[in-house]
Amino acid sequence: MGRIFLLSPANCGGRRAGQIVSDKAEFPLARRLRSPEGAPLGDVFAFMSGLYFRGKLAYARRFATPPDPGDPLASGGVLVITPNAGLRGAEVAVTRESIRAFAGEPIDLDNERYLRPLERSARTLRAAVGAECDVVLLGSVASGKYVEVLQPIFGDRLLFPSAFVGRGDMSRGGLMLRCADSGEELDYLPLTGAVRHGPRPPKLAPLKPQTARF
């Protein structure tokens, strides 16, 4: 049985997004983003989001087991929800124009330019990975902006880490970085019928210095 991960998006209109698309930015990732070839979507979102997306990306890259690693639709088992282009592989190249277009689209179920591409790509992915592959959502399960789109398509195959319940974004990011570092995968539950709200768990122990650096 395979397992793929769907990562919720970074904030494409925030301060760090403004830094990476700036003409004045000279760090390597920003220069790659300005180039005609672009830069990997996952790495760009990790810069813009910091700890939370970086944790999701490291975790998914560590534990993804796509049923057919060579299938481009499965994208190595790590796919990112985008504001207007549906699901895209974390290694897909994007440009500054892509990020600016993302920034103009709200992640909202009333926004057809967000909703319809996500529905289409999720259905295509479902057909590509087959009935025996788990699909794990790494993102907020407390709100409906991802769950209400994906659950009708994937049904009981759509899972989430049970340890996410009650945690904020930074806590989830820190937890996933620790798991990626230790090799200990989290437990998952089907989103169908799950309790998605709960008390805040105890604080995590500090990250190791080498893991905490961006």
N, C-alpha and C. Protein backbone atom coordinates (compact mmCIF):
# COMPACT_ATOMS: atom_id res chain seq x y z
N MET A 1 0.85 -1.20 0.00
CA MET A 1 0.00 0.00 0.00
C MET A 1 0.88 1.24 0.00
N GLY A 2 0.56 2.20 -0.85
CA GLY A 2 1.33 3.43 -0.91
C GLY A 2 0.78 4.50 0.01
N ARG A 3 1.54 5.57 0.12
CA ARG A 3 1.09 6.71 0.93
C ARG A 3 1.62 7.98 0.30
N ILE A 4 0.73 8.92 0.05
CA ILE A 4 1.12 10.22 -0.48
C ILE A 4 0.62 11.31 0.45
N PHE A 5 1.22 12.48 0.33
CA PHE A 5 0.90 13.59 1.23
C PHE A 5 0.45 14.81 0.43
N LEU A 6 -0.58 15.47 0.96
CA LEU A 6 -1.07 16.73 0.40
C LEU A 6 -0.78 17.83 1.41
N LEU A 7 0.00 18.82 1.02
CA LEU A 7 0.43 19.89 1.92
C LEU A 7 -0.38 21.15 1.68
N SER A 8 -0.89 21.74 2.74
CA SER A 8 -1.60 23.01 2.60
C SER A 8 -0.60 24.11 2.21
N PRO A 9 -1.07 25.17 1.56
CA PRO A 9 -0.15 26.16 0.99
C PRO A 9 0.42 27.14 2.00
N ALA A 10 1.47 27.82 1.55
CA ALA A 10 2.03 28.93 2.32
C ALA A 10 1.25 30.20 2.01
N ASN A 11 1.46 31.23 2.82
CA ASN A 11 0.87 32.54 2.60
C ASN A 11 1.68 33.26 1.52
N CYS A 12 1.09 33.39 0.34
CA CYS A 12 1.81 33.98 -0.78
C CYS A 12 1.75 35.50 -0.80
N GLY A 13 1.06 36.09 0.16
CA GLY A 13 0.97 37.54 0.21
C GLY A 13 1.60 38.14 1.44
N GLY A 14 2.37 37.36 2.18
CA GLY A 14 2.97 37.83 3.42
C GLY A 14 4.33 38.49 3.23
N ARG A 15 4.95 38.84 4.37
CA ARG A 15 6.23 39.56 4.34
C ARG A 15 7.32 38.74 3.67
N ARG A 16 7.41 37.47 4.00
CA ARG A 16 8.49 36.65 3.43
C ARG A 16 8.25 36.39 1.94
N ALA A 17 7.00 36.34 1.52
CA ALA A 17 6.73 36.25 0.09
C ALA A 17 7.22 37.51 -0.63
N GLY A 18 6.99 38.66 0.01
CA GLY A 18 7.49 39.90 -0.57
C GLY A 18 9.00 39.92 -0.68
N GLN A 19 9.68 39.32 0.27
CA GLN A 19 11.15 39.26 0.23
C GLN A 19 11.65 38.44 -0.94
N ILE A 20 11.04 37.27 -1.15
CA ILE A 20 11.59 36.37 -2.17
C ILE A 20 11.28 36.83 -3.59
N VAL A 21 10.22 37.61 -3.79
CA VAL A 21 9.91 38.08 -5.14
C VAL A 21 10.52 39.46 -5.41
N SER A 22 11.19 40.03 -4.44
CA SER A 22 11.76 41.37 -4.60
C SER A 22 12.91 41.36 -5.62
N ASP A 23 12.99 42.42 -6.41
CA ASP A 23 14.11 42.58 -7.34
C ASP A 23 15.44 42.71 -6.61
N LYS A 24 15.39 43.13 -5.35
CA LYS A 24 16.61 43.35 -4.59
C LYS A 24 17.13 42.08 -3.91
N ALA A 25 16.35 41.01 -3.89
CA ALA A 25 16.74 39.78 -3.19
C ALA A 25 17.86 39.09 -3.96
N GLU A 26 18.96 38.80 -3.27
CA GLU A 26 20.12 38.20 -3.92
C GLU A 26 20.48 36.84 -3.35
N PHE A 27 19.67 36.29 -2.45
CA PHE A 27 19.99 34.95 -1.96
C PHE A 27 19.65 33.93 -3.05
N PRO A 28 20.28 32.75 -3.02
CA PRO A 28 20.19 31.82 -4.16
C PRO A 28 18.78 31.44 -4.57
N LEU A 29 17.89 31.17 -3.59
CA LEU A 29 16.54 30.74 -3.96
C LEU A 29 15.79 31.86 -4.68
N ALA A 30 15.97 33.10 -4.25
CA ALA A 30 15.31 34.22 -4.92
C ALA A 30 15.83 34.40 -6.34
N ARG A 31 17.13 34.21 -6.53
CA ARG A 31 17.69 34.32 -7.88
C ARG A 31 17.15 33.21 -8.78
N ARG A 32 17.01 32.01 -8.24
CA ARG A 32 16.44 30.93 -9.03
C ARG A 32 14.98 31.23 -9.39
N LEU A 33 14.24 31.80 -8.45
CA LEU A 33 12.84 32.12 -8.70
C LEU A 33 12.71 33.15 -9.81
N ARG A 34 13.67 34.07 -9.92
CA ARG A 34 13.64 35.10 -10.97
C ARG A 34 14.07 34.56 -12.33
N SER A 35 14.73 33.43 -12.33
CA SER A 35 15.26 32.89 -13.58
C SER A 35 14.14 32.30 -14.43
N PRO A 36 14.35 32.13 -15.72
CA PRO A 36 13.31 31.50 -16.57
C PRO A 36 12.99 30.08 -16.14
N GLU A 37 13.95 29.38 -15.55
CA GLU A 37 13.73 27.99 -15.12
C GLU A 37 12.90 27.91 -13.84
N GLY A 38 12.94 28.95 -13.02
CA GLY A 38 12.19 28.96 -11.77
C GLY A 38 12.86 28.16 -10.67
N ALA A 39 12.13 27.96 -9.57
CA ALA A 39 12.63 27.26 -8.39
C ALA A 39 11.56 26.28 -7.91
N PRO A 40 11.96 25.22 -7.17
CA PRO A 40 10.97 24.23 -6.73
C PRO A 40 9.89 24.84 -5.84
N LEU A 41 8.65 24.50 -6.15
CA LEU A 41 7.51 25.02 -5.40
C LEU A 41 7.64 24.77 -3.90
N GLY A 42 8.01 23.56 -3.52
CA GLY A 42 8.12 23.23 -2.10
C GLY A 42 9.14 24.09 -1.39
N ASP A 43 10.29 24.31 -2.01
CA ASP A 43 11.34 25.11 -1.38
C ASP A 43 10.92 26.58 -1.27
N VAL A 44 10.23 27.08 -2.28
CA VAL A 44 9.77 28.47 -2.23
C VAL A 44 8.73 28.65 -1.14
N PHE A 45 7.77 27.72 -1.05
CA PHE A 45 6.76 27.81 0.00
C PHE A 45 7.39 27.64 1.39
N ALA A 46 8.41 26.80 1.50
CA ALA A 46 9.08 26.62 2.79
C ALA A 46 9.73 27.92 3.24
N PHE A 47 10.31 28.67 2.31
CA PHE A 47 10.89 29.96 2.67
C PHE A 47 9.80 30.92 3.12
N MET A 48 8.71 30.97 2.39
CA MET A 48 7.67 31.94 2.68
C MET A 48 6.96 31.65 4.00
N SER A 49 6.84 30.37 4.34
CA SER A 49 6.07 29.99 5.53
C SER A 49 6.94 29.78 6.75
N GLY A 50 8.22 29.45 6.55
CA GLY A 50 9.08 29.19 7.69
C GLY A 50 8.84 27.82 8.29
N LEU A 51 8.74 27.75 9.61
CA LEU A 51 8.74 26.48 10.33
C LEU A 51 7.61 25.56 9.92
N TYR A 52 6.39 26.07 9.75
CA TYR A 52 5.25 25.21 9.51
C TYR A 52 5.39 24.44 8.20
N PHE A 53 5.58 25.14 7.09
CA PHE A 53 5.69 24.45 5.82
C PHE A 53 6.99 23.64 5.74
N ARG A 54 8.04 24.16 6.31
CA ARG A 54 9.31 23.42 6.30
C ARG A 54 9.15 22.07 6.98
N GLY A 55 8.39 22.04 8.09
CA GLY A 55 8.13 20.78 8.77
C GLY A 55 7.30 19.84 7.92
N LYS A 56 6.25 20.36 7.28
CA LYS A 56 5.42 19.52 6.42
C LYS A 56 6.23 18.93 5.28
N LEU A 57 7.06 19.77 4.65
CA LEU A 57 7.82 19.32 3.50
C LEU A 57 8.85 18.26 3.90
N ALA A 58 9.58 18.49 4.98
CA ALA A 58 10.58 17.52 5.44
C ALA A 58 9.91 16.20 5.80
N TYR A 59 8.78 16.28 6.47
CA TYR A 59 8.07 15.07 6.89
C TYR A 59 7.57 14.28 5.69
N ALA A 60 6.93 14.98 4.75
CA ALA A 60 6.39 14.29 3.58
C ALA A 60 7.49 13.68 2.74
N ARG A 61 8.59 14.38 2.56
CA ARG A 61 9.70 13.83 1.78
C ARG A 61 10.29 12.60 2.46
N ARG A 62 10.26 12.58 3.77
CA ARG A 62 10.83 11.44 4.51
C ARG A 62 9.94 10.19 4.41
N PHE A 63 8.63 10.38 4.46
CA PHE A 63 7.74 9.22 4.64
C PHE A 63 6.85 8.89 3.43
N ALA A 64 6.91 9.67 2.37
CA ALA A 64 6.07 9.37 1.21
C ALA A 64 6.51 8.06 0.55
N THR A 65 5.51 7.24 0.20
CA THR A 65 5.77 5.98 -0.52
C THR A 65 4.72 5.86 -1.63
N PRO A 66 4.88 6.63 -2.71
CA PRO A 66 3.89 6.58 -3.78
C PRO A 66 3.85 5.20 -4.41
N PRO A 67 2.68 4.74 -4.83
CA PRO A 67 2.57 3.40 -5.39
C PRO A 67 3.40 3.21 -6.65
N ASP A 68 3.56 4.27 -7.43
CA ASP A 68 4.41 4.23 -8.62
C ASP A 68 5.30 5.47 -8.59
N PRO A 69 6.52 5.33 -8.05
CA PRO A 69 7.38 6.51 -7.91
C PRO A 69 7.67 7.22 -9.22
N GLY A 70 7.54 6.51 -10.34
CA GLY A 70 7.82 7.13 -11.63
C GLY A 70 6.64 7.85 -12.25
N ASP A 71 5.47 7.77 -11.62
CA ASP A 71 4.28 8.40 -12.16
C ASP A 71 4.33 9.90 -11.89
N PRO A 72 4.38 10.73 -12.95
CA PRO A 72 4.48 12.19 -12.71
C PRO A 72 3.28 12.76 -11.98
N LEU A 73 2.10 12.12 -12.10
CA LEU A 73 0.92 12.63 -11.42
C LEU A 73 1.05 12.51 -9.91
N ALA A 74 1.75 11.46 -9.45
CA ALA A 74 1.94 11.29 -8.00
C ALA A 74 3.05 12.16 -7.47
N SER A 75 3.90 12.70 -8.34
CA SER A 75 4.92 13.70 -7.97
C SER A 75 5.78 13.27 -6.80
N GLY A 76 6.20 12.01 -6.83
CA GLY A 76 7.06 11.54 -5.74
C GLY A 76 6.35 11.40 -4.42
N GLY A 77 5.04 11.52 -4.42
CA GLY A 77 4.26 11.36 -3.19
C GLY A 77 4.10 12.62 -2.38
N VAL A 78 4.59 13.77 -2.86
CA VAL A 78 4.50 15.03 -2.11
C VAL A 78 3.88 16.07 -3.03
N LEU A 79 2.64 16.44 -2.74
CA LEU A 79 1.92 17.42 -3.55
C LEU A 79 1.47 18.58 -2.68
N VAL A 80 1.42 19.75 -3.29
CA VAL A 80 1.10 20.98 -2.58
C VAL A 80 -0.21 21.56 -3.12
N ILE A 81 -1.10 21.94 -2.21
CA ILE A 81 -2.31 22.66 -2.59
C ILE A 81 -1.93 24.10 -2.94
N THR A 82 -2.34 24.56 -4.10
CA THR A 82 -2.03 25.93 -4.52
C THR A 82 -3.30 26.77 -4.56
N PRO A 83 -3.18 28.09 -4.56
CA PRO A 83 -4.37 28.94 -4.56
C PRO A 83 -5.16 28.93 -5.87
N ASN A 84 -4.51 28.59 -7.00
CA ASN A 84 -5.27 28.66 -8.25
C ASN A 84 -4.84 27.62 -9.29
N ALA A 85 -4.00 26.68 -8.90
CA ALA A 85 -3.51 25.67 -9.86
C ALA A 85 -3.71 24.25 -9.34
N GLY A 86 -4.61 24.07 -8.39
CA GLY A 86 -4.87 22.74 -7.86
C GLY A 86 -3.69 22.16 -7.14
N LEU A 87 -3.51 20.84 -7.25
CA LEU A 87 -2.39 20.15 -6.63
C LEU A 87 -1.19 20.16 -7.58
N ARG A 88 -0.03 20.52 -7.04
CA ARG A 88 1.19 20.52 -7.83
C ARG A 88 2.30 19.85 -7.02
N GLY A 89 3.16 19.12 -7.71
CA GLY A 89 4.27 18.46 -7.04
C GLY A 89 5.20 19.45 -6.36
N ALA A 90 5.76 19.05 -5.23
CA ALA A 90 6.66 19.94 -4.49
C ALA A 90 7.91 20.28 -5.28
N GLU A 91 8.27 19.45 -6.25
CA GLU A 91 9.48 19.70 -7.03
C GLU A 91 9.20 20.45 -8.32
N VAL A 92 7.94 20.75 -8.61
CA VAL A 92 7.60 21.49 -9.82
C VAL A 92 8.17 22.91 -9.73
N ALA A 93 8.76 23.37 -10.83
CA ALA A 93 9.35 24.71 -10.84
C ALA A 93 8.28 25.78 -10.99
N VAL A 94 8.42 26.84 -10.19
CA VAL A 94 7.55 28.01 -10.29
C VAL A 94 8.41 29.26 -10.45
N THR A 95 7.81 30.31 -10.96
CA THR A 95 8.50 31.58 -11.15
C THR A 95 7.88 32.66 -10.27
N ARG A 96 8.46 33.85 -10.31
CA ARG A 96 7.89 34.97 -9.56
C ARG A 96 6.46 35.26 -10.00
N GLU A 97 6.21 35.12 -11.30
CA GLU A 97 4.87 35.39 -11.80
C GLU A 97 3.86 34.41 -11.20
N SER A 98 4.28 33.16 -11.01
CA SER A 98 3.40 32.18 -10.38
C SER A 98 3.05 32.61 -8.96
N ILE A 99 4.06 33.02 -8.20
CA ILE A 99 3.84 33.40 -6.80
C ILE A 99 2.94 34.64 -6.72
N ARG A 100 3.15 35.58 -7.60
CA ARG A 100 2.30 36.77 -7.60
C ARG A 100 0.87 36.43 -7.97
N ALA A 101 0.69 35.49 -8.88
CA ALA A 101 -0.66 35.05 -9.22
C ALA A 101 -1.30 34.31 -8.05
N PHE A 102 -0.53 33.50 -7.34
CA PHE A 102 -1.05 32.82 -6.15
C PHE A 102 -1.52 33.83 -5.11
N ALA A 103 -0.75 34.90 -4.96
CA ALA A 103 -1.05 35.89 -3.91
C ALA A 103 -2.39 36.57 -4.14
N GLY A 104 -2.85 36.61 -5.37
CA GLY A 104 -4.10 37.29 -5.68
C GLY A 104 -5.34 36.45 -5.50
N GLU A 105 -5.17 35.18 -5.09
CA GLU A 105 -6.32 34.28 -4.98
C GLU A 105 -6.53 33.85 -3.53
N PRO A 106 -7.69 34.15 -2.94
CA PRO A 106 -7.97 33.70 -1.58
C PRO A 106 -8.24 32.20 -1.53
N ILE A 107 -7.77 31.54 -0.46
CA ILE A 107 -8.09 30.13 -0.22
C ILE A 107 -9.46 30.11 0.43
N ASP A 108 -10.46 30.04 -0.39
CA ASP A 108 -11.84 30.20 0.08
C ASP A 108 -12.74 29.32 -0.78
N LEU A 109 -13.66 28.61 -0.16
CA LEU A 109 -14.55 27.74 -0.90
C LEU A 109 -15.47 28.50 -1.85
N ASP A 110 -15.63 29.79 -1.62
CA ASP A 110 -16.44 30.60 -2.52
C ASP A 110 -15.66 31.08 -3.74
N ASN A 111 -14.35 30.84 -3.74
CA ASN A 111 -13.50 31.27 -4.86
C ASN A 111 -13.38 30.11 -5.86
N GLU A 112 -14.07 30.24 -6.98
CA GLU A 112 -14.07 29.18 -7.98
C GLU A 112 -12.68 28.92 -8.54
N ARG A 113 -11.84 29.93 -8.59
CA ARG A 113 -10.50 29.76 -9.16
C ARG A 113 -9.59 28.96 -8.23
N TYR A 114 -9.95 28.89 -6.97
CA TYR A 114 -9.27 27.98 -6.03
C TYR A 114 -9.93 26.61 -6.05
N LEU A 115 -11.25 26.59 -5.97
CA LEU A 115 -12.00 25.36 -5.77
C LEU A 115 -11.93 24.42 -6.97
N ARG A 116 -12.22 24.90 -8.16
CA ARG A 116 -12.35 24.00 -9.31
C ARG A 116 -11.04 23.33 -9.71
N PRO A 117 -9.91 24.06 -9.79
CA PRO A 117 -8.66 23.36 -10.11
C PRO A 117 -8.28 22.31 -9.07
N LEU A 118 -8.57 22.59 -7.79
CA LEU A 118 -8.25 21.62 -6.75
C LEU A 118 -9.11 20.37 -6.91
N GLU A 119 -10.40 20.54 -7.18
CA GLU A 119 -11.27 19.39 -7.40
C GLU A 119 -10.81 18.56 -8.59
N ARG A 120 -10.48 19.21 -9.69
CA ARG A 120 -10.06 18.48 -10.90
C ARG A 120 -8.78 17.70 -10.66
N SER A 121 -7.79 18.35 -10.06
CA SER A 121 -6.51 17.67 -9.86
C SER A 121 -6.62 16.56 -8.82
N ALA A 122 -7.48 16.73 -7.81
CA ALA A 122 -7.67 15.68 -6.81
C ALA A 122 -8.32 14.45 -7.44
N ARG A 123 -9.27 14.65 -8.33
CA ARG A 123 -9.89 13.51 -9.00
C ARG A 123 -8.89 12.79 -9.90
N THR A 124 -8.07 13.56 -10.60
CA THR A 124 -7.04 12.96 -11.45
C THR A 124 -6.05 12.17 -10.61
N LEU A 125 -5.67 12.71 -9.47
CA LEU A 125 -4.74 12.02 -8.58
C LEU A 125 -5.35 10.73 -8.04
N ARG A 126 -6.62 10.79 -7.65
CA ARG A 126 -7.30 9.60 -7.14
C ARG A 126 -7.24 8.47 -8.16
N ALA A 127 -7.50 8.78 -9.41
CA ALA A 127 -7.46 7.76 -10.45
C ALA A 127 -6.04 7.25 -10.67
N ALA A 128 -5.05 8.13 -10.53
CA ALA A 128 -3.67 7.75 -10.81
C ALA A 128 -3.08 6.83 -9.75
N VAL A 129 -3.40 7.06 -8.48
CA VAL A 129 -2.74 6.30 -7.40
C VAL A 129 -3.46 5.02 -7.05
N GLY A 130 -4.72 4.87 -7.48
CA GLY A 130 -5.43 3.62 -7.23
C GLY A 130 -6.08 3.57 -5.85
N ALA A 131 -6.81 2.49 -5.64
CA ALA A 131 -7.67 2.37 -4.46
C ALA A 131 -6.92 1.98 -3.19
N GLU A 132 -5.67 1.54 -3.30
CA GLU A 132 -4.95 1.05 -2.12
C GLU A 132 -3.99 2.07 -1.53
N CYS A 133 -3.98 3.27 -2.06
CA CYS A 133 -3.02 4.29 -1.61
C CYS A 133 -3.67 5.23 -0.60
N ASP A 134 -3.03 5.42 0.55
CA ASP A 134 -3.49 6.39 1.53
C ASP A 134 -3.12 7.80 1.08
N VAL A 135 -3.99 8.74 1.40
CA VAL A 135 -3.76 10.15 1.09
C VAL A 135 -3.82 10.91 2.41
N VAL A 136 -2.69 11.49 2.81
CA VAL A 136 -2.59 12.14 4.12
C VAL A 136 -2.56 13.66 3.93
N LEU A 137 -3.49 14.35 4.56
CA LEU A 137 -3.53 15.80 4.52
C LEU A 137 -2.67 16.36 5.64
N LEU A 138 -1.66 17.14 5.26
CA LEU A 138 -0.84 17.87 6.23
C LEU A 138 -1.23 19.34 6.14
N GLY A 139 -2.18 19.70 6.95
CA GLY A 139 -2.73 21.06 6.94
C GLY A 139 -3.82 21.15 7.98
N SER A 140 -4.46 22.29 8.04
CA SER A 140 -5.51 22.48 9.02
C SER A 140 -6.69 21.56 8.72
N VAL A 141 -7.09 20.77 9.71
CA VAL A 141 -8.28 19.93 9.56
C VAL A 141 -9.46 20.52 10.34
N ALA A 142 -9.20 21.58 11.10
CA ALA A 142 -10.27 22.19 11.89
C ALA A 142 -11.20 23.03 11.04
N SER A 143 -10.69 23.60 9.94
CA SER A 143 -11.52 24.38 9.04
C SER A 143 -11.89 23.53 7.83
N GLY A 144 -12.83 24.01 7.04
CA GLY A 144 -13.30 23.21 5.92
C GLY A 144 -12.64 23.53 4.59
N LYS A 145 -11.71 24.48 4.56
CA LYS A 145 -11.22 24.96 3.26
C LYS A 145 -10.44 23.92 2.48
N TYR A 146 -9.91 22.90 3.16
CA TYR A 146 -9.28 21.78 2.46
C TYR A 146 -10.15 20.53 2.57
N VAL A 147 -10.62 20.24 3.77
CA VAL A 147 -11.34 19.00 4.02
C VAL A 147 -12.61 18.90 3.19
N GLU A 148 -13.36 19.99 3.09
CA GLU A 148 -14.63 19.93 2.38
C GLU A 148 -14.46 19.73 0.88
N VAL A 149 -13.28 20.05 0.36
CA VAL A 149 -13.00 19.79 -1.05
C VAL A 149 -12.50 18.36 -1.24
N LEU A 150 -11.59 17.92 -0.39
CA LEU A 150 -10.87 16.67 -0.61
C LEU A 150 -11.61 15.43 -0.10
N GLN A 151 -12.36 15.57 0.99
CA GLN A 151 -13.00 14.40 1.57
C GLN A 151 -14.04 13.76 0.65
N PRO A 152 -14.88 14.54 -0.03
CA PRO A 152 -15.83 13.88 -0.94
C PRO A 152 -15.14 13.12 -2.08
N ILE A 153 -13.92 13.52 -2.42
CA ILE A 153 -13.20 12.88 -3.53
C ILE A 153 -12.46 11.63 -3.06
N PHE A 154 -11.77 11.71 -1.93
CA PHE A 154 -10.95 10.58 -1.47
C PHE A 154 -11.67 9.70 -0.45
N GLY A 155 -12.73 10.20 0.16
CA GLY A 155 -13.49 9.39 1.11
C GLY A 155 -12.65 8.93 2.29
N ASP A 156 -12.79 7.65 2.66
CA ASP A 156 -12.09 7.11 3.83
C ASP A 156 -10.59 7.02 3.62
N ARG A 157 -10.13 7.19 2.41
CA ARG A 157 -8.69 7.15 2.15
C ARG A 157 -7.99 8.44 2.57
N LEU A 158 -8.75 9.49 2.83
CA LEU A 158 -8.16 10.76 3.26
C LEU A 158 -7.91 10.71 4.76
N LEU A 159 -6.64 10.77 5.15
CA LEU A 159 -6.22 10.65 6.54
C LEU A 159 -5.58 11.95 7.01
N PHE A 160 -5.37 12.02 8.34
CA PHE A 160 -4.61 13.13 8.91
C PHE A 160 -3.90 12.63 10.16
N PRO A 161 -2.79 13.28 10.56
CA PRO A 161 -2.09 12.87 11.78
C PRO A 161 -2.95 13.18 13.01
N SER A 162 -3.21 12.17 13.83
CA SER A 162 -4.04 12.39 15.02
C SER A 162 -3.39 13.38 15.97
N ALA A 163 -2.07 13.50 15.94
CA ALA A 163 -1.37 14.44 16.82
C ALA A 163 -1.60 15.89 16.44
N PHE A 164 -2.23 16.16 15.30
CA PHE A 164 -2.52 17.54 14.90
C PHE A 164 -3.64 18.16 15.73
N VAL A 165 -4.51 17.35 16.30
CA VAL A 165 -5.68 17.88 17.00
C VAL A 165 -5.23 18.75 18.18
N GLY A 166 -5.69 19.98 18.21
CA GLY A 166 -5.38 20.90 19.29
C GLY A 166 -4.09 21.68 19.10
N ARG A 167 -3.29 21.35 18.09
CA ARG A 167 -2.02 22.05 17.88
C ARG A 167 -2.19 23.22 16.92
N GLY A 168 -1.44 24.28 17.17
CA GLY A 168 -1.35 25.38 16.22
C GLY A 168 -0.34 25.08 15.14
N ASP A 169 -0.23 26.00 14.18
CA ASP A 169 0.65 25.77 13.03
C ASP A 169 2.09 25.53 13.43
N MET A 170 2.63 26.36 14.32
CA MET A 170 4.04 26.23 14.67
C MET A 170 4.32 24.92 15.41
N SER A 171 3.38 24.52 16.25
CA SER A 171 3.55 23.26 16.97
C SER A 171 3.54 22.08 16.00
N ARG A 172 2.65 22.13 15.02
CA ARG A 172 2.61 21.06 14.03
C ARG A 172 3.90 21.02 13.22
N GLY A 173 4.38 22.19 12.84
CA GLY A 173 5.62 22.24 12.08
C GLY A 173 6.79 21.68 12.86
N GLY A 174 6.90 22.07 14.13
CA GLY A 174 7.98 21.57 14.97
C GLY A 174 7.88 20.07 15.19
N LEU A 175 6.66 19.57 15.36
CA LEU A 175 6.47 18.14 15.55
C LEU A 175 6.92 17.36 14.32
N MET A 176 6.56 17.84 13.15
CA MET A 176 6.93 17.12 11.92
C MET A 176 8.42 17.18 11.66
N LEU A 177 9.07 18.27 12.00
CA LEU A 177 10.53 18.32 11.85
C LEU A 177 11.19 17.29 12.75
N ARG A 178 10.71 17.15 13.96
CA ARG A 178 11.26 16.16 14.88
C ARG A 178 11.07 14.74 14.34
N CYS A 179 9.90 14.48 13.78
CA CYS A 179 9.62 13.15 13.24
C CYS A 179 10.49 12.86 12.02
N ALA A 180 10.67 13.85 11.16
CA ALA A 180 11.52 13.66 9.99
C ALA A 180 12.95 13.39 10.41
N ASP A 181 13.39 14.05 11.47
CA ASP A 181 14.75 13.88 11.97
C ASP A 181 14.94 12.51 12.62
N SER A 182 13.94 12.05 13.38
CA SER A 182 14.06 10.79 14.12
C SER A 182 13.65 9.57 13.30
N GLY A 183 12.89 9.78 12.23
CA GLY A 183 12.39 8.65 11.46
C GLY A 183 11.16 8.00 12.05
N GLU A 184 10.53 8.62 13.04
CA GLU A 184 9.33 8.08 13.68
C GLU A 184 8.09 8.71 13.05
N GLU A 185 7.34 7.91 12.30
CA GLU A 185 6.16 8.42 11.62
C GLU A 185 4.99 8.54 12.59
N LEU A 186 4.16 9.53 12.36
CA LEU A 186 2.99 9.75 13.20
C LEU A 186 1.89 8.74 12.89
N ASP A 187 0.92 8.61 13.80
CA ASP A 187 -0.26 7.79 13.56
C ASP A 187 -1.29 8.63 12.80
N TYR A 188 -2.08 7.95 11.96
CA TYR A 188 -3.07 8.64 11.15
C TYR A 188 -4.47 8.11 11.44
N LEU A 189 -5.45 9.00 11.21
CA LEU A 189 -6.85 8.64 11.34
C LEU A 189 -7.59 9.08 10.08
N PRO A 190 -8.65 8.36 9.70
CA PRO A 190 -9.49 8.86 8.60
C PRO A 190 -10.19 10.15 9.02
N LEU A 191 -10.29 11.08 8.12
CA LEU A 191 -10.99 12.33 8.42
C LEU A 191 -12.49 12.10 8.54
N THR A 192 -13.00 11.08 7.87
CA THR A 192 -14.42 10.79 7.96
C THR A 192 -14.80 10.45 9.40
N GLY A 193 -15.63 11.26 10.01
CA GLY A 193 -16.10 11.01 11.36
C GLY A 193 -15.12 11.34 12.47
N ALA A 194 -13.96 11.90 12.14
CA ALA A 194 -12.94 12.15 13.16
C ALA A 194 -13.26 13.39 13.99
N VAL A 195 -12.78 13.39 15.23
CA VAL A 195 -12.81 14.59 16.08
C VAL A 195 -11.66 15.48 15.66
N ARG A 196 -11.97 16.66 15.14
CA ARG A 196 -10.95 17.53 14.56
C ARG A 196 -10.59 18.71 15.46
N HIS A 197 -11.22 18.81 16.61
CA HIS A 197 -10.92 19.86 17.58
C HIS A 197 -10.62 19.19 18.92
N GLY A 198 -9.72 19.77 19.69
CA GLY A 198 -9.40 19.19 20.98
C GLY A 198 -8.56 20.13 21.82
N PRO A 199 -8.24 19.76 23.06
CA PRO A 199 -7.41 20.60 23.93
C PRO A 199 -5.99 20.70 23.40
N ARG A 200 -5.34 21.79 23.73
CA ARG A 200 -3.95 21.99 23.30
C ARG A 200 -3.04 21.01 24.03
N PRO A 201 -2.20 20.27 23.32
CA PRO A 201 -1.29 19.32 23.97
C PRO A 201 -0.11 20.04 24.63
N PRO A 202 0.69 19.34 25.43
CA PRO A 202 1.86 19.97 26.05
C PRO A 202 2.84 20.50 25.01
N LYS A 203 3.62 21.50 25.40
CA LYS A 203 4.61 22.06 24.50
C LYS A 203 5.68 21.03 24.15
N LEU A 204 6.21 21.17 22.95
CA LEU A 204 7.28 20.28 22.51
C LEU A 204 8.60 20.69 23.14
N ALA A 205 9.49 19.73 23.26
CA ALA A 205 10.85 20.04 23.70
C ALA A 205 11.54 20.87 22.61
N PRO A 206 12.55 21.69 22.97
CA PRO A 206 13.23 22.51 21.96
C PRO A 206 13.83 21.66 20.85
N LEU A 207 13.82 22.22 19.64
CA LEU A 207 14.45 21.55 18.52
C LEU A 207 15.95 21.48 18.70
N LYS A 208 16.56 20.48 18.09
CA LYS A 208 18.02 20.43 18.05
C LYS A 208 18.52 21.60 17.23
N PRO A 209 19.67 22.18 17.59
CA PRO A 209 20.15 23.38 16.86
C PRO A 209 20.25 23.18 15.36
N GLN A 210 20.73 22.02 14.89
CA GLN A 210 20.89 21.83 13.46
C GLN A 210 19.56 21.72 12.74
N THR A 211 18.50 21.33 13.43
CA THR A 211 17.17 21.22 12.83
C THR A 211 16.48 22.58 12.82
N ALA A 212 16.79 23.42 13.81
CA ALA A 212 16.08 24.67 13.96
C ALA A 212 16.48 25.71 12.92
N ARG A 213 17.64 25.56 12.29
CA ARG A 213 18.06 26.55 11.30
C ARG A 213 17.25 26.40 10.03
N PHE A 214 16.94 27.54 9.39
CA PHE A 214 16.23 27.47 8.11
C PHE A 214 17.24 27.33 6.98
